[in-house]
PDB file of N, CA and C in Angstrom:
ATOM      1  N   MET A   1      58.093 173.951 -33.655  1.00  0.00           N
ATOM      2  CA  MET A   1      59.270 173.205 -33.531  1.00  0.00           C
ATOM      3  C   MET A   1      59.635 171.484 -34.534  1.00  0.00           C
ATOM      4  N   VAL A   2      58.993 171.290 -33.380  1.00  0.00           N
ATOM      5  CA  VAL A   2      58.926 169.161 -33.712  1.00  0.00           C
ATOM      6  C   VAL A   2      58.085 169.453 -34.766  1.00  0.00           C
ATOM      7  N   GLN A   3      56.712 170.082 -35.729  1.00  0.00           N
ATOM      8  CA  GLN A   3      56.604 170.166 -36.743  1.00  0.00           C
ATOM      9  C   GLN A   3      57.515 170.428 -37.605  1.00  0.00           C
ATOM     10  N   PHE A   4      58.066 171.138 -37.752  1.00  0.00           N
ATOM     11  CA  PHE A   4      59.600 171.685 -38.454  1.00  0.00           C
ATOM     12  C   PHE A   4      59.922 169.856 -38.827  1.00  0.00           C
ATOM     13  N   ILE A   5      61.410 169.691 -37.178  1.00  0.00           N
ATOM     14  CA  ILE A   5      61.373 168.324 -37.881  1.00  0.00           C
ATOM     15  C   ILE A   5      60.579 167.129 -38.231  1.00  0.00           C
ATOM     16  N   LEU A   6      59.324 166.911 -37.903  1.00  0.00           N
ATOM     17  CA  LEU A   6      58.543 165.935 -38.565  1.00  0.00           C
ATOM     18  C   LEU A   6      57.998 166.191 -40.626  1.00  0.00           C
ATOM     19  N   SER A   7      58.276 166.856 -40.836  1.00  0.00           N
ATOM     20  CA  SER A   7      58.537 167.678 -42.035  1.00  0.00           C
ATOM     21  C   SER A   7      59.725 166.707 -42.910  1.00  0.00           C
ATOM     22  N   TRP A   8      61.029 167.271 -41.884  1.00  0.00           N
ATOM     23  CA  TRP A   8      61.750 167.128 -43.148  1.00  0.00           C
ATOM     24  C   TRP A   8      62.469 165.527 -41.929  1.00  0.00           C
ATOM     25  N   LEU A   9      62.277 164.537 -41.674  1.00  0.00           N
ATOM     26  CA  LEU A   9      62.654 163.181 -40.594  1.00  0.00           C
ATOM     27  C   LEU A   9      62.877 162.573 -41.843  1.00  0.00           C
ATOM     28  N   ASP A  10      62.683 162.323 -43.033  1.00  0.00           N
ATOM     29  CA  ASP A  10      63.464 161.702 -44.229  1.00  0.00           C
ATOM     30  C   ASP A  10      65.201 161.811 -44.275  1.00  0.00           C
ATOM     31  N   LEU A  11      65.400 163.143 -43.839  1.00  0.00           N
ATOM     32  CA  LEU A  11      66.966 163.104 -44.370  1.00  0.00           C
ATOM     33  C   LEU A  11      67.528 162.838 -43.328  1.00  0.00           C
ATOM     34  N   LEU A  12      67.243 162.184 -42.403  1.00  0.00           N
ATOM     35  CA  LEU A  12      68.079 161.323 -41.854  1.00  0.00           C
ATOM     36  C   LEU A  12      68.542 159.873 -42.561  1.00  0.00           C
ATOM     37  N   TRP A  13      68.166 159.936 -43.867  1.00  0.00           N
ATOM     38  CA  TRP A  13      68.656 158.519 -44.643  1.00  0.00           C
ATOM     39  C   TRP A  13      69.799 159.059 -45.388  1.00  0.00           C
ATOM     40  N   ILE A  14      69.693 160.063 -45.018  1.00  0.00           N
ATOM     41  CA  ILE A  14      71.679 160.889 -45.834  1.00  0.00           C
ATOM     42  C   ILE A  14      72.925 160.310 -44.839  1.00  0.00           C
ATOM     43  N   PRO A  15      72.314 160.376 -43.887  1.00  0.00           N
ATOM     44  CA  PRO A  15      73.680 159.973 -43.190  1.00  0.00           C
ATOM     45  C   PRO A  15      73.990 158.376 -42.998  1.00  0.00           C
ATOM     46  N   ALA A  16      72.358 158.172 -43.063  1.00  0.00           N
ATOM     47  CA  ALA A  16      72.194 156.577 -42.761  1.00  0.00           C
ATOM     48  C   ALA A  16      73.181 155.645 -44.284  1.00  0.00           C
ATOM     49  N   THR A  17      72.841 156.730 -45.457  1.00  0.00           N
ATOM     50  CA  THR A  17      72.826 156.218 -46.383  1.00  0.00           C
ATOM     51  C   THR A  17      75.173 155.754 -46.633  1.00  0.00           C
ATOM     52  N   ILE A  18      75.360 156.438 -45.732  1.00  0.00           N
ATOM     53  CA  ILE A  18      77.119 157.214 -45.743  1.00  0.00           C
ATOM     54  C   ILE A  18      77.219 156.087 -45.002  1.00  0.00           C
ATOM     55  N   PHE A  19      76.570 155.541 -43.679  1.00  0.00           N
ATOM     56  CA  PHE A  19      77.163 154.645 -42.947  1.00  0.00           C
ATOM     57  C   PHE A  19      76.991 153.041 -43.837  1.00  0.00           C
ATOM     58  N   MET A  20      75.967 153.194 -44.145  1.00  0.00           N
ATOM     59  CA  MET A  20      75.648 151.178 -44.570  1.00  0.00           C
ATOM     60  C   MET A  20      76.076 151.261 -46.036  1.00  0.00           C
ATOM     61  N   THR A  21      76.492 152.086 -46.844  1.00  0.00           N
ATOM     62  CA  THR A  21      76.746 151.734 -48.105  1.00  0.00           C
ATOM     63  C   THR A  21      78.724 151.953 -48.476  1.00  0.00           C
ATOM     64  N   PRO A  22      78.760 151.136 -49.337  1.00  0.00           N
ATOM     65  CA  PRO A  22      80.283 150.994 -49.557  1.00  0.00           C
ATOM     66  C   PRO A  22      80.383 151.798 -49.719  1.00  0.00           C
ATOM     67  N   ARG A  23      81.833 152.556 -50.189  1.00  0.00           N
ATOM     68  CA  ARG A  23      82.606 153.957 -50.606  1.00  0.00           C
ATOM     69  C   ARG A  23      82.503 154.136 -51.734  1.00  0.00           C
ATOM     70  N   ARG A  24      82.655 153.305 -52.552  1.00  0.00           N
ATOM     71  CA  ARG A  24      82.657 153.651 -53.941  1.00  0.00           C
ATOM     72  C   ARG A  24      80.942 153.602 -54.893  1.00  0.00           C
ATOM     73  N   TYR A  25      79.895 153.220 -54.223  1.00  0.00           N
ATOM     74  CA  TYR A  25      78.630 153.514 -53.969  1.00  0.00           C
ATOM     75  C   TYR A  25      77.701 154.407 -53.726  1.00  0.00           C
ATOM     76  N   TRP A  26      78.682 155.704 -52.597  1.00  0.00           N
ATOM     77  CA  TRP A  26      78.268 156.632 -52.122  1.00  0.00           C
ATOM     78  C   TRP A  26      77.437 157.102 -52.972  1.00  0.00           C
ATOM     79  N   VAL A  27      77.736 157.395 -54.203  1.00  0.00           N
ATOM     80  CA  VAL A  27      77.119 158.962 -55.145  1.00  0.00           C
ATOM     81  C   VAL A  27      75.875 158.308 -55.322  1.00  0.00           C
ATOM     82  N   LYS A  28      75.986 157.183 -55.946  1.00  0.00           N
ATOM     83  CA  LYS A  28      74.697 156.535 -56.888  1.00  0.00           C
ATOM     84  C   LYS A  28      73.402 155.965 -55.733  1.00  0.00           C
ATOM     85  N   ALA A  29      73.754 156.126 -54.449  1.00  0.00           N
ATOM     86  CA  ALA A  29      72.951 155.598 -53.297  1.00  0.00           C
ATOM     87  C   ALA A  29      72.652 156.767 -52.850  1.00  0.00           C
ATOM     88  N   LEU A  30      73.133 157.667 -52.773  1.00  0.00           N
ATOM     89  CA  LEU A  30      72.651 159.275 -51.710  1.00  0.00           C
ATOM     90  C   LEU A  30      71.707 159.539 -53.264  1.00  0.00           C
ATOM     91  N   PHE A  31      72.136 159.187 -54.011  1.00  0.00           N
ATOM     92  CA  PHE A  31      71.020 159.249 -55.501  1.00  0.00           C
ATOM     93  C   PHE A  31      69.715 159.402 -55.188  1.00  0.00           C
ATOM     94  N   LEU A  32      69.591 157.899 -54.946  1.00  0.00           N
ATOM     95  CA  LEU A  32      68.292 157.132 -54.941  1.00  0.00           C
ATOM     96  C   LEU A  32      68.395 157.653 -53.673  1.00  0.00           C
ATOM     97  N   VAL A  33      68.215 158.257 -52.797  1.00  0.00           N
ATOM     98  CA  VAL A  33      67.754 158.537 -51.456  1.00  0.00           C
ATOM     99  C   VAL A  33      67.317 159.768 -51.664  1.00  0.00           C
ATOM    100  N   VAL A  34      67.766 161.068 -52.215  1.00  0.00           N
ATOM    101  CA  VAL A  34      67.347 161.878 -52.592  1.00  0.00           C
ATOM    102  C   VAL A  34      66.390 162.132 -53.390  1.00  0.00           C
ATOM    103  N   CYS A  35      66.823 161.440 -54.510  1.00  0.00           N
ATOM    104  CA  CYS A  35      65.215 161.046 -55.656  1.00  0.00           C
ATOM    105  C   CYS A  35      63.880 160.877 -54.880  1.00  0.00           C
ATOM    106  N   CYS A  36      64.075 160.118 -53.970  1.00  0.00           N
ATOM    107  CA  CYS A  36      63.079 159.256 -53.111  1.00  0.00           C
ATOM    108  C   CYS A  36      62.519 160.570 -52.206  1.00  0.00           C
ATOM    109  N   ILE A  37      63.144 161.515 -51.765  1.00  0.00           N
ATOM    110  CA  ILE A  37      62.919 162.547 -50.751  1.00  0.00           C
ATOM    111  C   ILE A  37      62.004 163.442 -51.857  1.00  0.00           C
ATOM    112  N   ILE A  38      62.812 163.809 -53.346  1.00  0.00           N
ATOM    113  CA  ILE A  38      61.757 164.785 -53.876  1.00  0.00           C
ATOM    114  C   ILE A  38      60.996 164.077 -54.064  1.00  0.00           C
ATOM    115  N   THR A  39      60.587 162.641 -54.860  1.00  0.00           N
ATOM    116  CA  THR A  39      59.296 162.236 -55.297  1.00  0.00           C
ATOM    117  C   THR A  39      58.347 162.194 -54.233  1.00  0.00           C
ATOM    118  N   LEU A  40      59.054 162.010 -53.031  1.00  0.00           N
ATOM    119  CA  LEU A  40      57.895 162.218 -51.986  1.00  0.00           C
ATOM    120  C   LEU A  40      57.285 163.233 -51.757  1.00  0.00           C
ATOM    121  N   ARG A  41      58.065 164.735 -51.380  1.00  0.00           N
ATOM    122  CA  ARG A  41      57.201 165.571 -51.557  1.00  0.00           C
ATOM    123  C   ARG A  41      56.334 166.264 -52.512  1.00  0.00           C
ATOM    124  N   LEU A  42      56.740 165.711 -54.302  1.00  0.00           N
ATOM    125  CA  LEU A  42      55.622 166.004 -55.103  1.00  0.00           C
ATOM    126  C   LEU A  42      54.551 165.232 -54.914  1.00  0.00           C
ATOM    127  N   GLN A  43      54.563 163.737 -54.610  1.00  0.00           N
ATOM    128  CA  GLN A  43      53.636 163.434 -54.268  1.00  0.00           C
ATOM    129  C   GLN A  43      52.197 163.791 -53.536  1.00  0.00           C
ATOM    130  N   VAL A  44      53.085 163.802 -52.288  1.00  0.00           N
ATOM    131  CA  VAL A  44      52.453 165.112 -51.008  1.00  0.00           C
ATOM    132  C   VAL A  44      51.313 166.237 -51.265  1.00  0.00           C
ATOM    133  N   GLU A  45      52.249 166.815 -52.386  1.00  0.00           N
ATOM    134  CA  GLU A  45      52.162 168.197 -53.351  1.00  0.00           C
ATOM    135  C   GLU A  45      51.009 168.173 -53.884  1.00  0.00           C
ATOM    136  N   LEU A  46      50.600 166.557 -54.593  1.00  0.00           N
ATOM    137  CA  LEU A  46      50.195 166.570 -55.668  1.00  0.00           C
ATOM    138  C   LEU A  46      48.537 166.405 -55.092  1.00  0.00           C
ATOM    139  N   MET A  47      49.224 165.159 -54.042  1.00  0.00           N
ATOM    140  CA  MET A  47      47.768 164.571 -53.169  1.00  0.00           C
ATOM    141  C   MET A  47      46.862 165.918 -52.851  1.00  0.00           C
ATOM    142  N   GLY A  48      47.478 166.615 -52.246  1.00  0.00           N
ATOM    143  CA  GLY A  48      47.465 168.147 -51.878  1.00  0.00           C
ATOM    144  C   GLY A  48      46.352 168.512 -52.080  1.00  0.00           C
ATOM    145  N   GLU A  49      46.918 169.126 -54.174  1.00  0.00           N
ATOM    146  CA  GLU A  49      46.351 169.416 -54.940  1.00  0.00           C
ATOM    147  C   GLU A  49      44.883 169.172 -55.500  1.00  0.00           C
ATOM    148  N   ILE A  50      44.936 167.753 -55.054  1.00  0.00           N
ATOM    149  CA  ILE A  50      43.528 167.362 -56.125  1.00  0.00           C
ATOM    150  C   ILE A  50      42.814 167.075 -54.747  1.00  0.00           C
ATOM    151  N   GLY A  51      42.593 167.072 -53.679  1.00  0.00           N
ATOM    152  CA  GLY A  51      41.369 167.043 -52.837  1.00  0.00           C
ATOM    153  C   GLY A  51      42.088 166.055 -51.647  1.00  0.00           C
ATOM    154  N   PHE A  52      42.977 165.657 -51.676  1.00  0.00           N
ATOM    155  CA  PHE A  52      43.301 164.121 -51.113  1.00  0.00           C
ATOM    156  C   PHE A  52      44.152 163.935 -50.114  1.00  0.00           C
ATOM    157  N   PRO A  53      44.349 165.149 -48.691  1.00  0.00           N
ATOM    158  CA  PRO A  53      45.533 165.226 -48.000  1.00  0.00           C
ATOM    159  C   PRO A  53      46.110 164.037 -47.256  1.00  0.00           C
ATOM    160  N   THR A  54      45.123 162.822 -47.164  1.00  0.00           N
ATOM    161  CA  THR A  54      45.303 161.953 -46.569  1.00  0.00           C
ATOM    162  C   THR A  54      45.613 160.834 -47.621  1.00  0.00           C
ATOM    163  N   GLY A  55      45.678 161.063 -49.167  1.00  0.00           N
ATOM    164  CA  GLY A  55      45.798 160.132 -49.694  1.00  0.00           C
ATOM    165  C   GLY A  55      44.262 159.327 -50.345  1.00  0.00           C
ATOM    166  N   MET A  56      44.333 158.245 -51.110  1.00  0.00           N
ATOM    167  CA  MET A  56      43.407 158.119 -51.845  1.00  0.00           C
ATOM    168  C   MET A  56      42.237 157.249 -50.879  1.00  0.00           C
ATOM    169  N   LEU A  57      42.588 156.356 -49.875  1.00  0.00           N
ATOM    170  CA  LEU A  57      42.260 154.886 -49.266  1.00  0.00           C
ATOM    171  C   LEU A  57      41.560 156.202 -48.033  1.00  0.00           C
ATOM    172  N   PRO A  58      40.238 155.753 -48.133  1.00  0.00           N
ATOM    173  CA  PRO A  58      39.500 156.643 -47.001  1.00  0.00           C
ATOM    174  C   PRO A  58      40.113 155.729 -45.826  1.00  0.00           C
ATOM    175  N   PHE A  59      40.214 154.543 -45.444  1.00  0.00           N
ATOM    176  CA  PHE A  59      40.339 153.853 -44.132  1.00  0.00           C
ATOM    177  C   PHE A  59      41.625 153.946 -43.284  1.00  0.00           C
ATOM    178  N   LEU A  60      42.500 155.024 -44.064  1.00  0.00           N
ATOM    179  CA  LEU A  60      43.906 155.419 -43.494  1.00  0.00           C
ATOM    180  C   LEU A  60      43.825 157.078 -43.599  1.00  0.00           C
ATOM    181  N   THR A  61      43.739 157.221 -41.821  1.00  0.00           N
ATOM    182  CA  THR A  61      43.874 158.786 -41.632  1.00  0.00           C
ATOM    183  C   THR A  61      45.092 159.729 -41.548  1.00  0.00           C
ATOM    184  N   TYR A  62      45.813 158.911 -41.471  1.00  0.00           N
ATOM    185  CA  TYR A  62      46.970 159.740 -41.584  1.00  0.00           C
ATOM    186  C   TYR A  62      47.626 160.504 -42.788  1.00  0.00           C
ATOM    187  N   PRO A  63      48.043 161.451 -42.503  1.00  0.00           N
ATOM    188  CA  PRO A  63      48.508 162.610 -43.588  1.00  0.00           C
ATOM    189  C   PRO A  63      49.715 161.609 -44.935  1.00  0.00           C
ATOM    190  N   ALA A  64      49.202 161.622 -45.669  1.00  0.00           N
ATOM    191  CA  ALA A  64      50.268 161.333 -46.929  1.00  0.00           C
ATOM    192  C   ALA A  64      51.970 161.622 -47.012  1.00  0.00           C
ATOM    193  N   LEU A  65      52.136 162.686 -46.092  1.00  0.00           N
ATOM    194  CA  LEU A  65      53.672 162.781 -45.804  1.00  0.00           C
ATOM    195  C   LEU A  65      54.305 161.826 -44.825  1.00  0.00           C
ATOM    196  N   TYR A  66      53.156 160.899 -43.699  1.00  0.00           N
ATOM    197  CA  TYR A  66      53.613 160.364 -42.839  1.00  0.00           C
ATOM    198  C   TYR A  66      53.738 158.640 -43.725  1.00  0.00           C
ATOM    199  N   ARG A  67      52.443 158.471 -44.537  1.00  0.00           N
ATOM    200  CA  ARG A  67      52.323 157.485 -45.293  1.00  0.00           C
ATOM    201  C   ARG A  67      53.746 157.029 -46.357  1.00  0.00           C
ATOM    202  N   GLY A  68      54.359 158.608 -46.593  1.00  0.00           N
ATOM    203  CA  GLY A  68      55.255 157.929 -47.615  1.00  0.00           C
ATOM    204  C   GLY A  68      56.664 157.886 -47.467  1.00  0.00           C
ATOM    205  N   TYR A  69      56.742 159.004 -45.851  1.00  0.00           N
ATOM    206  CA  TYR A  69      57.525 158.046 -45.373  1.00  0.00           C
ATOM    207  C   TYR A  69      58.181 156.189 -44.584  1.00  0.00           C
ATOM    208  N   VAL A  70      56.511 155.815 -44.516  1.00  0.00           N
ATOM    209  CA  VAL A  70      56.780 154.620 -44.070  1.00  0.00           C
ATOM    210  C   VAL A  70      57.184 153.603 -45.482  1.00  0.00           C
ATOM    211  N   VAL A  71      56.203 153.981 -46.421  1.00  0.00           N
ATOM    212  CA  VAL A  71      57.081 152.790 -47.832  1.00  0.00           C
ATOM    213  C   VAL A  71      58.011 153.454 -48.553  1.00  0.00           C
ATOM    214  N   TYR A  72      58.592 154.551 -48.312  1.00  0.00           N
ATOM    215  CA  TYR A  72      59.586 154.920 -49.495  1.00  0.00           C
ATOM    216  C   TYR A  72      60.719 154.547 -47.950  1.00  0.00           C
ATOM    217  N   GLY A  73      60.709 154.733 -46.794  1.00  0.00           N
ATOM    218  CA  GLY A  73      61.595 153.979 -46.002  1.00  0.00           C
ATOM    219  C   GLY A  73      61.642 152.283 -45.883  1.00  0.00           C
ATOM    220  N   VAL A  74      60.706 151.920 -46.155  1.00  0.00           N
ATOM    221  CA  VAL A  74      60.645 150.830 -46.147  1.00  0.00           C
ATOM    222  C   VAL A  74      61.912 150.338 -47.254  1.00  0.00           C
ATOM    223  N   PHE A  75      61.359 150.696 -48.328  1.00  0.00           N
ATOM    224  CA  PHE A  75      62.120 150.433 -49.969  1.00  0.00           C
ATOM    225  C   PHE A  75      63.966 150.671 -49.761  1.00  0.00           C
ATOM    226  N   ILE A  76      64.289 152.110 -49.348  1.00  0.00           N
ATOM    227  CA  ILE A  76      65.091 152.716 -49.314  1.00  0.00           C
ATOM    228  C   ILE A  76      66.038 151.719 -48.321  1.00  0.00           C
ATOM    229  N   LEU A  77      65.311 151.369 -47.237  1.00  0.00           N
ATOM    230  CA  LEU A  77      66.230 150.349 -46.017  1.00  0.00           C
ATOM    231  C   LEU A  77      67.018 148.990 -46.861  1.00  0.00           C
ATOM    232  N   PHE A  78      65.808 148.740 -47.359  1.00  0.00           N
ATOM    233  CA  PHE A  78      65.570 147.407 -48.170  1.00  0.00           C
ATOM    234  C   PHE A  78      67.053 147.756 -49.204  1.00  0.00           C
ATOM    235  N   PHE A  79      67.117 148.548 -50.172  1.00  0.00           N
ATOM    236  CA  PHE A  79      68.121 149.210 -51.065  1.00  0.00           C
ATOM    237  C   PHE A  79      68.882 149.212 -49.870  1.00  0.00           C
ATOM    238  N   LEU A  80      69.421 149.860 -49.211  1.00  0.00           N
ATOM    239  CA  LEU A  80      70.765 150.137 -48.223  1.00  0.00           C
ATOM    240  C   LEU A  80      71.338 148.928 -47.195  1.00  0.00           C
ATOM    241  N   SER A  81      70.197 148.133 -47.456  1.00  0.00           N
ATOM    242  CA  SER A  81      70.837 147.176 -46.290  1.00  0.00           C
ATOM    243  C   SER A  81      71.236 145.600 -47.346  1.00  0.00           C
ATOM    244  N   LEU A  82      70.571 145.474 -49.109  1.00  0.00           N
ATOM    245  CA  LEU A  82      70.825 145.136 -49.779  1.00  0.00           C
ATOM    246  C   LEU A  82      72.565 145.895 -50.434  1.00  0.00           C
ATOM    247  N   SER A  83      72.728 146.374 -50.524  1.00  0.00           N
ATOM    248  CA  SER A  83      74.106 147.124 -51.063  1.00  0.00           C
ATOM    249  C   SER A  83      75.369 147.046 -49.795  1.00  0.00           C
ATOM    250  N   ALA A  84      74.650 147.079 -48.774  1.00  0.00           N
ATOM    251  CA  ALA A  84      75.848 146.520 -47.277  1.00  0.00           C
ATOM    252  C   ALA A  84      76.084 145.333 -47.774  1.00  0.00           C
ATOM    253  N   PHE A  85      75.682 144.322 -48.360  1.00  0.00           N
ATOM    254  CA  PHE A  85      76.107 143.084 -48.438  1.00  0.00           C
ATOM    255  C   PHE A  85      76.452 142.568 -49.882  1.00  0.00           C
ATOM    256  N   SER A  86      76.157 143.536 -50.948  1.00  0.00           N
ATOM    257  CA  SER A  86      77.092 143.489 -51.938  1.00  0.00           C
ATOM    258  C   SER A  86      78.040 144.346 -52.497  1.00  0.00           C
ATOM    259  N   LYS A  87      79.162 143.971 -51.673  1.00  0.00           N
ATOM    260  CA  LYS A  87      80.306 145.063 -51.813  1.00  0.00           C
ATOM    261  C   LYS A  87      81.168 144.282 -52.860  1.00  0.00           C
ATOM    262  N   LYS A  88      80.700 143.389 -54.153  1.00  0.00           N
ATOM    263  CA  LYS A  88      81.759 142.967 -54.737  1.00  0.00           C
ATOM    264  C   LYS A  88      81.367 143.587 -56.395  1.00  0.00           C
ATOM    265  N   GLU A  89      80.165 143.749 -55.918  1.00  0.00           N
ATOM    266  CA  GLU A  89      79.219 143.796 -57.180  1.00  0.00           C
ATOM    267  C   GLU A  89      79.662 145.045 -58.387  1.00  0.00           C
ATOM    268  N   HIS A  90      78.983 145.109 -59.767  1.00  0.00           N
ATOM    269  CA  HIS A  90      79.445 145.785 -60.957  1.00  0.00           C
ATOM    270  C   HIS A  90      78.703 147.259 -60.596  1.00  0.00           C
ATOM    271  N   ALA A  91      79.080 147.906 -61.167  1.00  0.00           N
ATOM    272  CA  ALA A  91      78.691 149.341 -60.894  1.00  0.00           C
ATOM    273  C   ALA A  91      77.392 149.484 -61.327  1.00  0.00           C
ATOM    274  N   TYR A  92      77.165 148.543 -62.832  1.00  0.00           N
ATOM    275  CA  TYR A  92      76.430 149.100 -63.410  1.00  0.00           C
ATOM    276  C   TYR A  92      75.183 147.912 -62.902  1.00  0.00           C
ATOM    277  N   ILE A  93      75.313 146.981 -62.539  1.00  0.00           N
ATOM    278  CA  ILE A  93      74.302 146.376 -61.844  1.00  0.00           C
ATOM    279  C   ILE A  93      73.786 147.351 -60.347  1.00  0.00           C
ATOM    280  N   TYR A  94      74.689 147.567 -59.852  1.00  0.00           N
ATOM    281  CA  TYR A  94      74.243 148.839 -58.413  1.00  0.00           C
ATOM    282  C   TYR A  94      72.985 149.793 -59.303  1.00  0.00           C
ATOM    283  N   LEU A  95      73.556 150.209 -60.282  1.00  0.00           N
ATOM    284  CA  LEU A  95      72.922 150.989 -60.868  1.00  0.00           C
ATOM    285  C   LEU A  95      71.537 150.952 -61.540  1.00  0.00           C
ATOM    286  N   ALA A  96      71.582 149.895 -62.054  1.00  0.00           N
ATOM    287  CA  ALA A  96      70.390 149.504 -62.331  1.00  0.00           C
ATOM    288  C   ALA A  96      69.611 148.582 -61.119  1.00  0.00           C
ATOM    289  N   ALA A  97      70.119 148.291 -59.710  1.00  0.00           N
ATOM    290  CA  ALA A  97      69.281 148.200 -59.179  1.00  0.00           C
ATOM    291  C   ALA A  97      68.648 149.371 -58.245  1.00  0.00           C
ATOM    292  N   ALA A  98      69.457 149.935 -58.617  1.00  0.00           N
ATOM    293  CA  ALA A  98      69.162 151.565 -57.343  1.00  0.00           C
ATOM    294  C   ALA A  98      68.099 152.254 -58.574  1.00  0.00           C
ATOM    295  N   ILE A  99      67.972 152.049 -59.808  1.00  0.00           N
ATOM    296  CA  ILE A  99      66.741 152.485 -60.647  1.00  0.00           C
ATOM    297  C   ILE A  99      65.605 151.572 -60.756  1.00  0.00           C
ATOM    298  N   SER A 100      66.049 150.842 -60.688  1.00  0.00           N
ATOM    299  CA  SER A 100      64.372 149.718 -60.786  1.00  0.00           C
ATOM    300  C   SER A 100      63.579 149.687 -59.233  1.00  0.00           C
ATOM    301  N   LEU A 101      64.491 149.721 -58.346  1.00  0.00           N
ATOM    302  CA  LEU A 101      63.941 149.874 -56.995  1.00  0.00           C
ATOM    303  C   LEU A 101      63.082 151.269 -56.730  1.00  0.00           C
ATOM    304  N   TYR A 102      63.800 152.137 -57.980  1.00  0.00           N
ATOM    305  CA  TYR A 102      63.276 153.807 -57.420  1.00  0.00           C
ATOM    306  C   TYR A 102      61.509 153.485 -58.362  1.00  0.00           C
ATOM    307  N   VAL A 103      61.815 153.544 -59.339  1.00  0.00           N
ATOM    308  CA  VAL A 103      60.365 153.012 -60.062  1.00  0.00           C
ATOM    309  C   VAL A 103      59.499 151.948 -59.138  1.00  0.00           C
ATOM    310  N   VAL A 104      59.768 150.992 -58.533  1.00  0.00           N
ATOM    311  CA  VAL A 104      58.564 150.437 -57.745  1.00  0.00           C
ATOM    312  C   VAL A 104      58.488 150.765 -56.771  1.00  0.00           C
ATOM    313  N   ALA A 105      59.347 151.804 -56.154  1.00  0.00           N
ATOM    314  CA  ALA A 105      58.606 152.747 -55.115  1.00  0.00           C
ATOM    315  C   ALA A 105      57.811 153.804 -55.275  1.00  0.00           C
TER     316      ALA A 105
END
């Protein structure tokens, strides 16, 4: 049961997104979070398939999923904190910020 919870720990970003973003940006912010979750799963699967279950850096022994939680979590938290402070931004600027932050992550 604990392993199942740890495997889907990043789904906690969905309620955090609803609470931290302004109401008019919920869809765009949820889209970013869901895309990051799906991308993390695809990257972890790719690392397992090519024979690097702990990633390509040999000095870190944590599984790629947990390292992905940290990296994507930092970027999602950064985006959500910025969106909490930018309530008056234009929708196109908000969408451009979401896309560019997804590409950087």
